[in-house]
Amino acid sequence: MKVYICEKSCCPAVETVGEEVLIGEGANTVRLKKNEWNRLVEKIQSGELHSI
């Protein structure tokens, strides 16, 4: 899975690669393990994290 943050492929992306989720682009990439990603999703879905 690879999802771009904007509607064009020139923006940073969220991408699953094996057991990791990569967020960003180039040197500005964060690597999350599956459990870290799932925890982030849980926090968003519960309302603990929201739009700013």
PDB file of N, CA and C in Angstrom:
ATOM      1  N   MET A   1       0.836  -1.165   0.000  1.00  0.00           N
ATOM      2  CA  MET A   1       0.000   0.000   0.000  1.00  0.00           C
ATOM      3  C   MET A   1       0.886   1.235   0.000  1.00  0.00           C
ATOM      4  N   LYS A   2       0.526   2.212  -0.817  1.00  0.00           N
ATOM      5  CA  LYS A   2       1.218   3.500  -0.812  1.00  0.00           C
ATOM      6  C   LYS A   2       0.173   4.567  -1.048  1.00  0.00           C
ATOM      7  N   VAL A   3       0.072   5.499  -0.097  1.00  0.00           N
ATOM      8  CA  VAL A   3      -0.907   6.571  -0.175  1.00  0.00           C
ATOM      9  C   VAL A   3      -0.155   7.892  -0.069  1.00  0.00           C
ATOM     10  N   TYR A   4      -0.394   8.774  -1.033  1.00  0.00           N
ATOM     11  CA  TYR A   4       0.239  10.087  -0.995  1.00  0.00           C
ATOM     12  C   TYR A   4      -0.599  11.036  -0.154  1.00  0.00           C
ATOM     13  N   ILE A   5       0.062  11.928   0.569  1.00  0.00           N
ATOM     14  CA  ILE A   5      -0.624  12.848   1.466  1.00  0.00           C
ATOM     15  C   ILE A   5      -1.483  13.842   0.689  1.00  0.00           C
ATOM     16  N   CYS A   6      -1.036  14.242  -0.492  1.00  0.00           N
ATOM     17  CA  CYS A   6      -1.854  15.104  -1.342  1.00  0.00           C
ATOM     18  C   CYS A   6      -2.353  14.281  -2.531  1.00  0.00           C
ATOM     19  N   GLU A   7      -2.986  14.932  -3.468  1.00  0.00           N
ATOM     20  CA  GLU A   7      -3.556  14.216  -4.608  1.00  0.00           C
ATOM     21  C   GLU A   7      -2.545  13.940  -5.714  1.00  0.00           C
ATOM     22  N   LYS A   8      -1.312  14.407  -5.551  1.00  0.00           N
ATOM     23  CA  LYS A   8      -0.277  14.201  -6.560  1.00  0.00           C
ATOM     24  C   LYS A   8       0.812  13.293  -5.978  1.00  0.00           C
ATOM     25  N   SER A   9       1.494  12.582  -6.824  1.00  0.00           N
ATOM     26  CA  SER A   9       2.535  11.665  -6.350  1.00  0.00           C
ATOM     27  C   SER A   9       3.833  12.379  -5.994  1.00  0.00           C
ATOM     28  N   CYS A  10       3.853  13.700  -6.028  1.00  0.00           N
ATOM     29  CA  CYS A  10       5.069  14.444  -5.671  1.00  0.00           C
ATOM     30  C   CYS A  10       5.131  14.758  -4.177  1.00  0.00           C
ATOM     31  N   CYS A  11       4.080  14.466  -3.438  1.00  0.00           N
ATOM     32  CA  CYS A  11       4.010  14.744  -1.996  1.00  0.00           C
ATOM     33  C   CYS A  11       4.527  13.559  -1.182  1.00  0.00           C
ATOM     34  N   PRO A  12       4.817  13.782   0.110  1.00  0.00           N
ATOM     35  CA  PRO A  12       5.203  12.662   0.973  1.00  0.00           C
ATOM     36  C   PRO A  12       4.126  11.575   0.966  1.00  0.00           C
ATOM     37  N   ALA A  13       4.539  10.372   1.302  1.00  0.00           N
ATOM     38  CA  ALA A  13       3.626   9.230   1.246  1.00  0.00           C
ATOM     39  C   ALA A  13       3.650   8.432   2.533  1.00  0.00           C
ATOM     40  N   VAL A  14       2.610   7.638   2.700  1.00  0.00           N
ATOM     41  CA  VAL A  14       2.534   6.613   3.738  1.00  0.00           C
ATOM     42  C   VAL A  14       2.568   5.294   2.985  1.00  0.00           C
ATOM     43  N   GLU A  15       3.544   4.455   3.300  1.00  0.00           N
ATOM     44  CA  GLU A  15       3.746   3.223   2.521  1.00  0.00           C
ATOM     45  C   GLU A  15       4.064   2.051   3.442  1.00  0.00           C
ATOM     46  N   THR A  16       3.438   0.919   3.187  1.00  0.00           N
ATOM     47  CA  THR A  16       3.791  -0.293   3.934  1.00  0.00           C
ATOM     48  C   THR A  16       4.845  -1.048   3.146  1.00  0.00           C
ATOM     49  N   VAL A  17       5.905  -1.442   3.854  1.00  0.00           N
ATOM     50  CA  VAL A  17       7.005  -2.197   3.262  1.00  0.00           C
ATOM     51  C   VAL A  17       7.351  -3.308   4.248  1.00  0.00           C
ATOM     52  N   GLY A  18       6.966  -4.516   3.898  1.00  0.00           N
ATOM     53  CA  GLY A  18       7.218  -5.638   4.799  1.00  0.00           C
ATOM     54  C   GLY A  18       6.530  -5.438   6.133  1.00  0.00           C
ATOM     55  N   GLU A  19       7.305  -5.409   7.193  1.00  0.00           N
ATOM     56  CA  GLU A  19       6.770  -5.271   8.550  1.00  0.00           C
ATOM     57  C   GLU A  19       6.779  -3.822   9.043  1.00  0.00           C
ATOM     58  N   GLU A  20       7.044  -2.856   8.151  1.00  0.00           N
ATOM     59  CA  GLU A  20       7.144  -1.461   8.555  1.00  0.00           C
ATOM     60  C   GLU A  20       6.174  -0.579   7.772  1.00  0.00           C
ATOM     61  N   VAL A  21       5.881   0.569   8.360  1.00  0.00           N
ATOM     62  CA  VAL A  21       5.126   1.613   7.680  1.00  0.00           C
ATOM     63  C   VAL A  21       6.061   2.812   7.591  1.00  0.00           C
ATOM     64  N   LEU A  22       6.272   3.306   6.374  1.00  0.00           N
ATOM     65  CA  LEU A  22       7.141   4.452   6.144  1.00  0.00           C
ATOM     66  C   LEU A  22       6.275   5.678   5.915  1.00  0.00           C
ATOM     67  N   ILE A  23       6.614   6.774   6.589  1.00  0.00           N
ATOM     68  CA  ILE A  23       5.879   8.021   6.446  1.00  0.00           C
ATOM     69  C   ILE A  23       6.883   9.112   6.104  1.00  0.00           C
ATOM     70  N   GLY A  24       6.685   9.788   4.967  1.00  0.00           N
ATOM     71  CA  GLY A  24       7.566  10.884   4.576  1.00  0.00           C
ATOM     72  C   GLY A  24       8.182  10.655   3.228  1.00  0.00           C
ATOM     73  N   GLU A  25       9.364  11.268   3.042  1.00  0.00           N
ATOM     74  CA  GLU A  25      10.089  11.119   1.787  1.00  0.00           C
ATOM     75  C   GLU A  25      11.579  11.324   2.028  1.00  0.00           C
ATOM     76  N   GLY A  26      12.383  10.589   1.309  1.00  0.00           N
ATOM     77  CA  GLY A  26      13.837  10.725   1.388  1.00  0.00           C
ATOM     78  C   GLY A  26      14.377  10.626   2.804  1.00  0.00           C
ATOM     79  N   ALA A  27      15.247  11.588   3.144  1.00  0.00           N
ATOM     80  CA  ALA A  27      15.861  11.608   4.472  1.00  0.00           C
ATOM     81  C   ALA A  27      14.860  11.966   5.567  1.00  0.00           C
ATOM     82  N   ASN A  28      13.699  12.453   5.183  1.00  0.00           N
ATOM     83  CA  ASN A  28      12.659  12.831   6.147  1.00  0.00           C
ATOM     84  C   ASN A  28      11.601  11.751   6.274  1.00  0.00           C
ATOM     85  N   THR A  29      12.050  10.518   6.425  1.00  0.00           N
ATOM     86  CA  THR A  29      11.147   9.376   6.529  1.00  0.00           C
ATOM     87  C   THR A  29      11.171   8.804   7.938  1.00  0.00           C
ATOM     88  N   VAL A  30       9.995   8.541   8.451  1.00  0.00           N
ATOM     89  CA  VAL A  30       9.843   7.893   9.758  1.00  0.00           C
ATOM     90  C   VAL A  30       9.451   6.445   9.499  1.00  0.00           C
ATOM     91  N   ARG A  31      10.050   5.521  10.224  1.00  0.00           N
ATOM     92  CA  ARG A  31       9.732   4.096  10.108  1.00  0.00           C
ATOM     93  C   ARG A  31       9.011   3.649  11.374  1.00  0.00           C
ATOM     94  N   LEU A  32       7.794   3.142  11.203  1.00  0.00           N
ATOM     95  CA  LEU A  32       7.041   2.605  12.323  1.00  0.00           C
ATOM     96  C   LEU A  32       6.886   1.105  12.164  1.00  0.00           C
ATOM     97  N   LYS A  33       6.999   0.381  13.268  1.00  0.00           N
ATOM     98  CA  LYS A  33       6.698  -1.042  13.254  1.00  0.00           C
ATOM     99  C   LYS A  33       5.181  -1.192  13.206  1.00  0.00           C
ATOM    100  N   LYS A  34       4.702  -2.378  12.835  1.00  0.00           N
ATOM    101  CA  LYS A  34       3.258  -2.609  12.723  1.00  0.00           C
ATOM    102  C   LYS A  34       2.514  -2.213  13.986  1.00  0.00           C
ATOM    103  N   ASN A  35       3.032  -2.613  15.151  1.00  0.00           N
ATOM    104  CA  ASN A  35       2.332  -2.306  16.400  1.00  0.00           C
ATOM    105  C   ASN A  35       2.306  -0.802  16.673  1.00  0.00           C
ATOM    106  N   GLU A  36       3.349  -0.070  16.287  1.00  0.00           N
ATOM    107  CA  GLU A  36       3.372   1.377  16.459  1.00  0.00           C
ATOM    108  C   GLU A  36       2.343   2.042  15.540  1.00  0.00           C
ATOM    109  N   TRP A  37       2.275   1.586  14.306  1.00  0.00           N
ATOM    110  CA  TRP A  37       1.292   2.100  13.357  1.00  0.00           C
ATOM    111  C   TRP A  37      -0.128   1.825  13.861  1.00  0.00           C
ATOM    112  N   ASN A  38      -0.365   0.600  14.298  1.00  0.00           N
ATOM    113  CA  ASN A  38      -1.695   0.240  14.786  1.00  0.00           C
ATOM    114  C   ASN A  38      -2.085   1.078  15.993  1.00  0.00           C
ATOM    115  N   ARG A  39      -1.140   1.390  16.863  1.00  0.00           N
ATOM    116  CA  ARG A  39      -1.418   2.232  18.025  1.00  0.00           C
ATOM    117  C   ARG A  39      -1.779   3.647  17.579  1.00  0.00           C
ATOM    118  N   LEU A  40      -1.082   4.163  16.580  1.00  0.00           N
ATOM    119  CA  LEU A  40      -1.393   5.478  16.037  1.00  0.00           C
ATOM    120  C   LEU A  40      -2.804   5.503  15.463  1.00  0.00           C
ATOM    121  N   VAL A  41      -3.161   4.484  14.713  1.00  0.00           N
ATOM    122  CA  VAL A  41      -4.509   4.384  14.143  1.00  0.00           C
ATOM    123  C   VAL A  41      -5.549   4.331  15.261  1.00  0.00           C
ATOM    124  N   GLU A  42      -5.293   3.555  16.305  1.00  0.00           N
ATOM    125  CA  GLU A  42      -6.217   3.470  17.440  1.00  0.00           C
ATOM    126  C   GLU A  42      -6.432   4.837  18.081  1.00  0.00           C
ATOM    127  N   LYS A  43      -5.359   5.614  18.250  1.00  0.00           N
ATOM    128  CA  LYS A  43      -5.467   6.935  18.858  1.00  0.00           C
ATOM    129  C   LYS A  43      -6.285   7.882  17.980  1.00  0.00           C
ATOM    130  N   ILE A  44      -6.148   7.778  16.687  1.00  0.00           N
ATOM    131  CA  ILE A  44      -6.938   8.606  15.772  1.00  0.00           C
ATOM    132  C   ILE A  44      -8.400   8.191  15.841  1.00  0.00           C
ATOM    133  N   GLN A  45      -8.653   6.901  15.765  1.00  0.00           N
ATOM    134  CA  GLN A  45     -10.031   6.410  15.766  1.00  0.00           C
ATOM    135  C   GLN A  45     -10.755   6.690  17.079  1.00  0.00           C
ATOM    136  N   SER A  46     -10.031   6.694  18.187  1.00  0.00           N
ATOM    137  CA  SER A  46     -10.649   6.941  19.498  1.00  0.00           C
ATOM    138  C   SER A  46     -10.909   8.426  19.746  1.00  0.00           C
ATOM    139  N   GLY A  47     -10.314   9.281  18.920  1.00  0.00           N
ATOM    140  CA  GLY A  47     -10.478  10.717  19.097  1.00  0.00           C
ATOM    141  C   GLY A  47      -9.377  11.348  19.925  1.00  0.00           C
ATOM    142  N   GLU A  48      -8.436  10.529  20.423  1.00  0.00           N
ATOM    143  CA  GLU A  48      -7.326  11.075  21.210  1.00  0.00           C
ATOM    144  C   GLU A  48      -6.463  11.996  20.329  1.00  0.00           C
ATOM    145  N   LEU A  49      -6.304  11.637  19.056  1.00  0.00           N
ATOM    146  CA  LEU A  49      -5.618  12.489  18.069  1.00  0.00           C
ATOM    147  C   LEU A  49      -6.677  12.966  17.084  1.00  0.00           C
ATOM    148  N   HIS A  50      -6.586  14.219  16.715  1.00  0.00           N
ATOM    149  CA  HIS A  50      -7.585  14.775  15.813  1.00  0.00           C
ATOM    150  C   HIS A  50      -6.966  15.838  14.917  1.00  0.00           C
ATOM    151  N   SER A  51      -7.729  16.365  13.995  1.00  0.00           N
ATOM    152  CA  SER A  51      -7.251  17.404  13.088  1.00  0.00           C
ATOM    153  C   SER A  51      -6.837  18.634  13.872  1.00  0.00           C
ATOM    154  N   ILE A  52      -5.848  19.354  13.335  1.00  0.00           N
ATOM    155  CA  ILE A  52      -5.431  20.621  13.953  1.00  0.00           C
ATOM    156  C   ILE A  52      -5.608  21.752  12.963  1.00  0.00           C
TER     157      ILE A  52
END
